[in-house]
Amino acid sequence: MILFLQYLNQRKKFEAEEKRVKQRKARDDFLAMLEVSKFYYSKFSPFYYCICTVLVNALFFLFRNARSSHH
């Protein structure tokens, strides 16, 4: 019985450590994603102008197509 309780305690500690590692990795991945998005959406980034242009063009074409299909 004592061995089984020791096994359960050891398993519980192992699973808790696994959970901490997964949470740490998820947090690190999320922070890395934020850093990348800050780079791309910074007004000083060379990609910012491209992203804005693509979005504005896409909205323009959606609006134009919706307006032309309405008439």
PDB file of N, CA and C in Angstrom:
ATOM      1  N   MET A   1       0.822  -1.191   0.000  1.00  0.00           N
ATOM      2  CA  MET A   1       0.000   0.000   0.000  1.00  0.00           C
ATOM      3  C   MET A   1       0.866   1.256   0.000  1.00  0.00           C
ATOM      4  N   ILE A   2       1.959   1.215   0.753  1.00  0.00           N
ATOM      5  CA  ILE A   2       2.851   2.369   0.835  1.00  0.00           C
ATOM      6  C   ILE A   2       3.502   2.633  -0.522  1.00  0.00           C
ATOM      7  N   LEU A   3       3.891   1.559  -1.202  1.00  0.00           N
ATOM      8  CA  LEU A   3       4.498   1.717  -2.518  1.00  0.00           C
ATOM      9  C   LEU A   3       3.521   2.362  -3.495  1.00  0.00           C
ATOM     10  N   PHE A   4       2.270   1.974  -3.425  1.00  0.00           N
ATOM     11  CA  PHE A   4       1.262   2.540  -4.318  1.00  0.00           C
ATOM     12  C   PHE A   4       1.075   4.035  -4.038  1.00  0.00           C
ATOM     13  N   LEU A   5       1.036   4.429  -2.767  1.00  0.00           N
ATOM     14  CA  LEU A   5       0.896   5.837  -2.413  1.00  0.00           C
ATOM     15  C   LEU A   5       2.114   6.646  -2.874  1.00  0.00           C
ATOM     16  N   GLN A   6       3.304   6.037  -2.738  1.00  0.00           N
ATOM     17  CA  GLN A   6       4.515   6.701  -3.226  1.00  0.00           C
ATOM     18  C   GLN A   6       4.454   6.878  -4.746  1.00  0.00           C
ATOM     19  N   TYR A   7       3.987   5.837  -5.418  1.00  0.00           N
ATOM     20  CA  TYR A   7       3.838   5.903  -6.870  1.00  0.00           C
ATOM     21  C   TYR A   7       2.869   7.024  -7.249  1.00  0.00           C
ATOM     22  N   LEU A   8       1.732   7.108  -6.563  1.00  0.00           N
ATOM     23  CA  LEU A   8       0.751   8.151  -6.862  1.00  0.00           C
ATOM     24  C   LEU A   8       1.331   9.544  -6.625  1.00  0.00           C
ATOM     25  N   ASN A   9       2.060   9.714  -5.528  1.00  0.00           N
ATOM     26  CA  ASN A   9       2.691  11.006  -5.257  1.00  0.00           C
ATOM     27  C   ASN A   9       3.723  11.367  -6.314  1.00  0.00           C
ATOM     28  N   GLN A  10       4.511  10.394  -6.709  1.00  0.00           N
ATOM     29  CA  GLN A  10       5.534  10.628  -7.730  1.00  0.00           C
ATOM     30  C   GLN A  10       4.882  10.978  -9.071  1.00  0.00           C
ATOM     31  N   ARG A  11       3.838  10.265  -9.397  1.00  0.00           N
ATOM     32  CA  ARG A  11       3.119  10.527 -10.654  1.00  0.00           C
ATOM     33  C   ARG A  11       2.475  11.914 -10.622  1.00  0.00           C
ATOM     34  N   LYS A  12       1.897  12.286  -9.488  1.00  0.00           N
ATOM     35  CA  LYS A  12       1.277  13.598  -9.347  1.00  0.00           C
ATOM     36  C   LYS A  12       2.320  14.705  -9.545  1.00  0.00           C
ATOM     37  N   LYS A  13       3.504  14.536  -8.954  1.00  0.00           N
ATOM     38  CA  LYS A  13       4.574  15.527  -9.110  1.00  0.00           C
ATOM     39  C   LYS A  13       5.028  15.613 -10.565  1.00  0.00           C
ATOM     40  N   PHE A  14       5.154  14.461 -11.207  1.00  0.00           N
ATOM     41  CA  PHE A  14       5.574  14.416 -12.601  1.00  0.00           C
ATOM     42  C   PHE A  14       4.559  15.120 -13.497  1.00  0.00           C
ATOM     43  N   GLU A  15       3.272  14.852 -13.286  1.00  0.00           N
ATOM     44  CA  GLU A  15       2.224  15.479 -14.097  1.00  0.00           C
ATOM     45  C   GLU A  15       2.169  16.986 -13.849  1.00  0.00           C
ATOM     46  N   ALA A  16       2.387  17.413 -12.614  1.00  0.00           N
ATOM     47  CA  ALA A  16       2.405  18.850 -12.304  1.00  0.00           C
ATOM     48  C   ALA A  16       3.576  19.525 -13.014  1.00  0.00           C
ATOM     49  N   GLU A  17       4.730  18.864 -13.030  1.00  0.00           N
ATOM     50  CA  GLU A  17       5.892  19.427 -13.712  1.00  0.00           C
ATOM     51  C   GLU A  17       5.655  19.500 -15.221  1.00  0.00           C
ATOM     52  N   GLU A  18       5.045  18.468 -15.790  1.00  0.00           N
ATOM     53  CA  GLU A  18       4.700  18.483 -17.217  1.00  0.00           C
ATOM     54  C   GLU A  18       3.771  19.657 -17.534  1.00  0.00           C
ATOM     55  N   LYS A  19       2.797  19.869 -16.674  1.00  0.00           N
ATOM     56  CA  LYS A  19       1.845  20.968 -16.870  1.00  0.00           C
ATOM     57  C   LYS A  19       2.568  22.314 -16.824  1.00  0.00           C
ATOM     58  N   ARG A  20       3.490  22.480 -15.883  1.00  0.00           N
ATOM     59  CA  ARG A  20       4.259  23.728 -15.788  1.00  0.00           C
ATOM     60  C   ARG A  20       5.097  23.956 -17.047  1.00  0.00           C
ATOM     61  N   VAL A  21       5.695  22.884 -17.546  1.00  0.00           N
ATOM     62  CA  VAL A  21       6.527  23.000 -18.751  1.00  0.00           C
ATOM     63  C   VAL A  21       5.667  23.403 -19.943  1.00  0.00           C
ATOM     64  N   LYS A  22       4.498  22.793 -20.090  1.00  0.00           N
ATOM     65  CA  LYS A  22       3.605  23.142 -21.199  1.00  0.00           C
ATOM     66  C   LYS A  22       3.123  24.586 -21.090  1.00  0.00           C
ATOM     67  N   GLN A  23       2.789  25.022 -19.882  1.00  0.00           N
ATOM     68  CA  GLN A  23       2.345  26.404 -19.689  1.00  0.00           C
ATOM     69  C   GLN A  23       3.476  27.384 -19.985  1.00  0.00           C
ATOM     70  N   ARG A  24       4.679  27.056 -19.562  1.00  0.00           N
ATOM     71  CA  ARG A  24       5.835  27.918 -19.826  1.00  0.00           C
ATOM     72  C   ARG A  24       6.080  28.027 -21.328  1.00  0.00           C
ATOM     73  N   LYS A  25       5.987  26.887 -22.035  1.00  0.00           N
ATOM     74  CA  LYS A  25       6.195  26.900 -23.482  1.00  0.00           C
ATOM     75  C   LYS A  25       5.108  27.712 -24.173  1.00  0.00           C
ATOM     76  N   ALA A  26       3.853  27.542 -23.747  1.00  0.00           N
ATOM     77  CA  ALA A  26       2.752  28.309 -24.340  1.00  0.00           C
ATOM     78  C   ALA A  26       2.957  29.803 -24.096  1.00  0.00           C
ATOM     79  N   ARG A  27       3.384  30.172 -22.896  1.00  0.00           N
ATOM     80  CA  ARG A  27       3.633  31.585 -22.590  1.00  0.00           C
ATOM     81  C   ARG A  27       4.763  32.133 -23.454  1.00  0.00           C
ATOM     82  N   ASP A  28       5.848  31.368 -23.578  1.00  0.00           N
ATOM     83  CA  ASP A  28       6.976  31.806 -24.398  1.00  0.00           C
ATOM     84  C   ASP A  28       6.579  31.950 -25.862  1.00  0.00           C
ATOM     85  N   ASP A  29       5.802  31.000 -26.371  1.00  0.00           N
ATOM     86  CA  ASP A  29       5.328  31.077 -27.759  1.00  0.00           C
ATOM     87  C   ASP A  29       4.449  32.302 -27.966  1.00  0.00           C
ATOM     88  N   PHE A  30       3.573  32.574 -26.998  1.00  0.00           N
ATOM     89  CA  PHE A  30       2.690  33.724 -27.097  1.00  0.00           C
ATOM     90  C   PHE A  30       3.486  35.025 -27.089  1.00  0.00           C
ATOM     91  N   LEU A  31       4.472  35.125 -26.197  1.00  0.00           N
ATOM     92  CA  LEU A  31       5.297  36.336 -26.145  1.00  0.00           C
ATOM     93  C   LEU A  31       6.098  36.514 -27.435  1.00  0.00           C
ATOM     94  N   ALA A  32       6.581  35.417 -27.992  1.00  0.00           N
ATOM     95  CA  ALA A  32       7.312  35.488 -29.262  1.00  0.00           C
ATOM     96  C   ALA A  32       6.383  35.973 -30.373  1.00  0.00           C
ATOM     97  N   MET A  33       5.139  35.485 -30.378  1.00  0.00           N
ATOM     98  CA  MET A  33       4.163  35.917 -31.377  1.00  0.00           C
ATOM     99  C   MET A  33       3.885  37.417 -31.232  1.00  0.00           C
ATOM    100  N   LEU A  34       3.790  37.903 -29.998  1.00  0.00           N
ATOM    101  CA  LEU A  34       3.567  39.329 -29.774  1.00  0.00           C
ATOM    102  C   LEU A  34       4.731  40.160 -30.300  1.00  0.00           C
ATOM    103  N   GLU A  35       5.933  39.690 -30.071  1.00  0.00           N
ATOM    104  CA  GLU A  35       7.103  40.416 -30.570  1.00  0.00           C
ATOM    105  C   GLU A  35       7.092  40.493 -32.088  1.00  0.00           C
ATOM    106  N   VAL A  36       6.746  39.389 -32.735  1.00  0.00           N
ATOM    107  CA  VAL A  36       6.683  39.378 -34.201  1.00  0.00           C
ATOM    108  C   VAL A  36       5.596  40.326 -34.683  1.00  0.00           C
ATOM    109  N   SER A  37       4.435  40.290 -34.032  1.00  0.00           N
ATOM    110  CA  SER A  37       3.347  41.162 -34.476  1.00  0.00           C
ATOM    111  C   SER A  37       3.695  42.622 -34.232  1.00  0.00           C
ATOM    112  N   LYS A  38       4.419  42.937 -33.147  1.00  0.00           N
ATOM    113  CA  LYS A  38       4.861  44.311 -32.913  1.00  0.00           C
ATOM    114  C   LYS A  38       5.765  44.763 -34.051  1.00  0.00           C
ATOM    115  N   PHE A  39       6.622  43.863 -34.512  1.00  0.00           N
ATOM    116  CA  PHE A  39       7.535  44.208 -35.600  1.00  0.00           C
ATOM    117  C   PHE A  39       6.760  44.494 -36.879  1.00  0.00           C
ATOM    118  N   TYR A  40       5.824  43.627 -37.230  1.00  0.00           N
ATOM    119  CA  TYR A  40       5.108  43.795 -38.487  1.00  0.00           C
ATOM    120  C   TYR A  40       4.146  44.976 -38.464  1.00  0.00           C
ATOM    121  N   TYR A  41       3.563  45.278 -37.315  1.00  0.00           N
ATOM    122  CA  TYR A  41       2.571  46.341 -37.250  1.00  0.00           C
ATOM    123  C   TYR A  41       3.128  47.654 -36.723  1.00  0.00           C
ATOM    124  N   SER A  42       4.424  47.716 -36.486  1.00  0.00           N
ATOM    125  CA  SER A  42       5.044  48.974 -36.089  1.00  0.00           C
ATOM    126  C   SER A  42       5.038  49.912 -37.291  1.00  0.00           C
ATOM    127  N   LYS A  43       4.720  51.172 -37.064  1.00  0.00           N
ATOM    128  CA  LYS A  43       4.663  52.128 -38.173  1.00  0.00           C
ATOM    129  C   LYS A  43       6.031  52.337 -38.812  1.00  0.00           C
ATOM    130  N   PHE A  44       7.082  51.954 -38.116  1.00  0.00           N
ATOM    131  CA  PHE A  44       8.430  52.121 -38.647  1.00  0.00           C
ATOM    132  C   PHE A  44       8.914  50.874 -39.381  1.00  0.00           C
ATOM    133  N   SER A  45       8.082  49.848 -39.401  1.00  0.00           N
ATOM    134  CA  SER A  45       8.449  48.606 -40.069  1.00  0.00           C
ATOM    135  C   SER A  45       8.219  48.747 -41.566  1.00  0.00           C
ATOM    136  N   PRO A  46       9.096  48.167 -42.374  1.00  0.00           N
ATOM    137  CA  PRO A  46       8.862  48.217 -43.828  1.00  0.00           C
ATOM    138  C   PRO A  46       7.621  47.435 -44.238  1.00  0.00           C
ATOM    139  N   PHE A  47       7.175  46.522 -43.382  1.00  0.00           N
ATOM    140  CA  PHE A  47       6.004  45.722 -43.716  1.00  0.00           C
ATOM    141  C   PHE A  47       4.703  46.461 -43.432  1.00  0.00           C
ATOM    142  N   TYR A  48       4.748  47.478 -42.569  1.00  0.00           N
ATOM    143  CA  TYR A  48       3.533  48.186 -42.161  1.00  0.00           C
ATOM    144  C   TYR A  48       2.833  48.793 -43.379  1.00  0.00           C
ATOM    145  N   TYR A  49       3.592  49.456 -44.231  1.00  0.00           N
ATOM    146  CA  TYR A  49       3.015  50.085 -45.416  1.00  0.00           C
ATOM    147  C   TYR A  49       2.382  49.025 -46.318  1.00  0.00           C
ATOM    148  N   CYS A  50       3.056  47.902 -46.497  1.00  0.00           N
ATOM    149  CA  CYS A  50       2.523  46.835 -47.348  1.00  0.00           C
ATOM    150  C   CYS A  50       1.225  46.267 -46.778  1.00  0.00           C
ATOM    151  N   ILE A  51       1.221  46.020 -45.471  1.00  0.00           N
ATOM    152  CA  ILE A  51       0.032  45.461 -44.833  1.00  0.00           C
ATOM    153  C   ILE A  51      -1.141  46.426 -44.973  1.00  0.00           C
ATOM    154  N   CYS A  52      -0.896  47.701 -44.700  1.00  0.00           N
ATOM    155  CA  CYS A  52      -1.967  48.695 -44.807  1.00  0.00           C
ATOM    156  C   CYS A  52      -2.474  48.805 -46.232  1.00  0.00           C
ATOM    157  N   THR A  53      -1.561  48.795 -47.189  1.00  0.00           N
ATOM    158  CA  THR A  53      -1.955  48.891 -48.594  1.00  0.00           C
ATOM    159  C   THR A  53      -2.804  47.705 -49.006  1.00  0.00           C
ATOM    160  N   VAL A  54      -2.413  46.526 -48.617  1.00  0.00           N
ATOM    161  CA  VAL A  54      -3.181  45.332 -48.963  1.00  0.00           C
ATOM    162  C   VAL A  54      -4.570  45.383 -48.332  1.00  0.00           C
ATOM    163  N   LEU A  55      -4.641  45.778 -47.076  1.00  0.00           N
ATOM    164  CA  LEU A  55      -5.936  45.845 -46.407  1.00  0.00           C
ATOM    165  C   LEU A  55      -6.832  46.897 -47.036  1.00  0.00           C
ATOM    166  N   VAL A  56      -6.291  48.052 -47.333  1.00  0.00           N
ATOM    167  CA  VAL A  56      -7.092  49.113 -47.952  1.00  0.00           C
ATOM    168  C   VAL A  56      -7.555  48.681 -49.332  1.00  0.00           C
ATOM    169  N   ASN A  57      -6.682  48.073 -50.100  1.00  0.00           N
ATOM    170  CA  ASN A  57      -7.076  47.606 -51.432  1.00  0.00           C
ATOM    171  C   ASN A  57      -8.156  46.536 -51.343  1.00  0.00           C
ATOM    172  N   ALA A  58      -8.027  45.620 -50.402  1.00  0.00           N
ATOM    173  CA  ALA A  58      -9.027  44.561 -50.248  1.00  0.00           C
ATOM    174  C   ALA A  58     -10.376  45.167 -49.883  1.00  0.00           C
ATOM    175  N   LEU A  59     -10.377  46.118 -48.958  1.00  0.00           N
ATOM    176  CA  LEU A  59     -11.636  46.772 -48.584  1.00  0.00           C
ATOM    177  C   LEU A  59     -12.214  47.550 -49.753  1.00  0.00           C
ATOM    178  N   PHE A  60     -11.354  48.224 -50.525  1.00  0.00           N
ATOM    179  CA  PHE A  60     -11.824  48.970 -51.685  1.00  0.00           C
ATOM    180  C   PHE A  60     -12.506  48.049 -52.685  1.00  0.00           C
ATOM    181  N   PHE A  61     -11.878  46.921 -52.992  1.00  0.00           N
ATOM    182  CA  PHE A  61     -12.455  46.001 -53.962  1.00  0.00           C
ATOM    183  C   PHE A  61     -13.742  45.378 -53.443  1.00  0.00           C
ATOM    184  N   LEU A  62     -13.799  45.068 -52.147  1.00  0.00           N
ATOM    185  CA  LEU A  62     -15.040  44.542 -51.576  1.00  0.00           C
ATOM    186  C   LEU A  62     -16.159  45.562 -51.693  1.00  0.00           C
ATOM    187  N   PHE A  63     -15.855  46.807 -51.369  1.00  0.00           N
ATOM    188  CA  PHE A  63     -16.851  47.868 -51.448  1.00  0.00           C
ATOM    189  C   PHE A  63     -17.287  48.090 -52.887  1.00  0.00           C
ATOM    190  N   ARG A  64     -16.322  48.138 -53.805  1.00  0.00           N
ATOM    191  CA  ARG A  64     -16.643  48.361 -55.220  1.00  0.00           C
ATOM    192  C   ARG A  64     -17.496  47.230 -55.772  1.00  0.00           C
ATOM    193  N   ASN A  65     -17.133  45.991 -55.453  1.00  0.00           N
ATOM    194  CA  ASN A  65     -17.906  44.854 -55.941  1.00  0.00           C
ATOM    195  C   ASN A  65     -19.300  44.822 -55.335  1.00  0.00           C
ATOM    196  N   ALA A  66     -19.412  45.158 -54.077  1.00  0.00           N
ATOM    197  CA  ALA A  66     -20.733  45.180 -53.445  1.00  0.00           C
ATOM    198  C   ALA A  66     -21.598  46.284 -54.061  1.00  0.00           C
ATOM    199  N   ARG A  67     -20.990  47.422 -54.330  1.00  0.00           N
ATOM    200  CA  ARG A  67     -21.725  48.541 -54.905  1.00  0.00           C
ATOM    201  C   ARG A  67     -22.138  48.232 -56.346  1.00  0.00           C
ATOM    202  N   SER A  68     -21.263  47.604 -57.124  1.00  0.00           N
ATOM    203  CA  SER A  68     -21.583  47.309 -58.516  1.00  0.00           C
ATOM    204  C   SER A  68     -22.626  46.202 -58.615  1.00  0.00           C
ATOM    205  N   SER A  69     -22.620  45.264 -57.688  1.00  0.00           N
ATOM    206  CA  SER A  69     -23.630  44.209 -57.748  1.00  0.00           C
ATOM    207  C   SER A  69     -24.980  44.714 -57.235  1.00  0.00           C
ATOM    208  N   HIS A  70     -24.956  45.794 -56.468  1.00  0.00           N
ATOM    209  CA  HIS A  70     -26.191  46.378 -55.940  1.00  0.00           C
ATOM    210  C   HIS A  70     -26.932  47.146 -57.033  1.00  0.00           C
ATOM    211  N   HIS A  71     -26.205  47.773 -57.981  1.00  0.00           N
ATOM    212  CA  HIS A  71     -26.826  48.585 -59.039  1.00  0.00           C
ATOM    213  C   HIS A  71     -27.209  47.740 -60.171  1.00  0.00           C
TER     214      HIS A  71
END
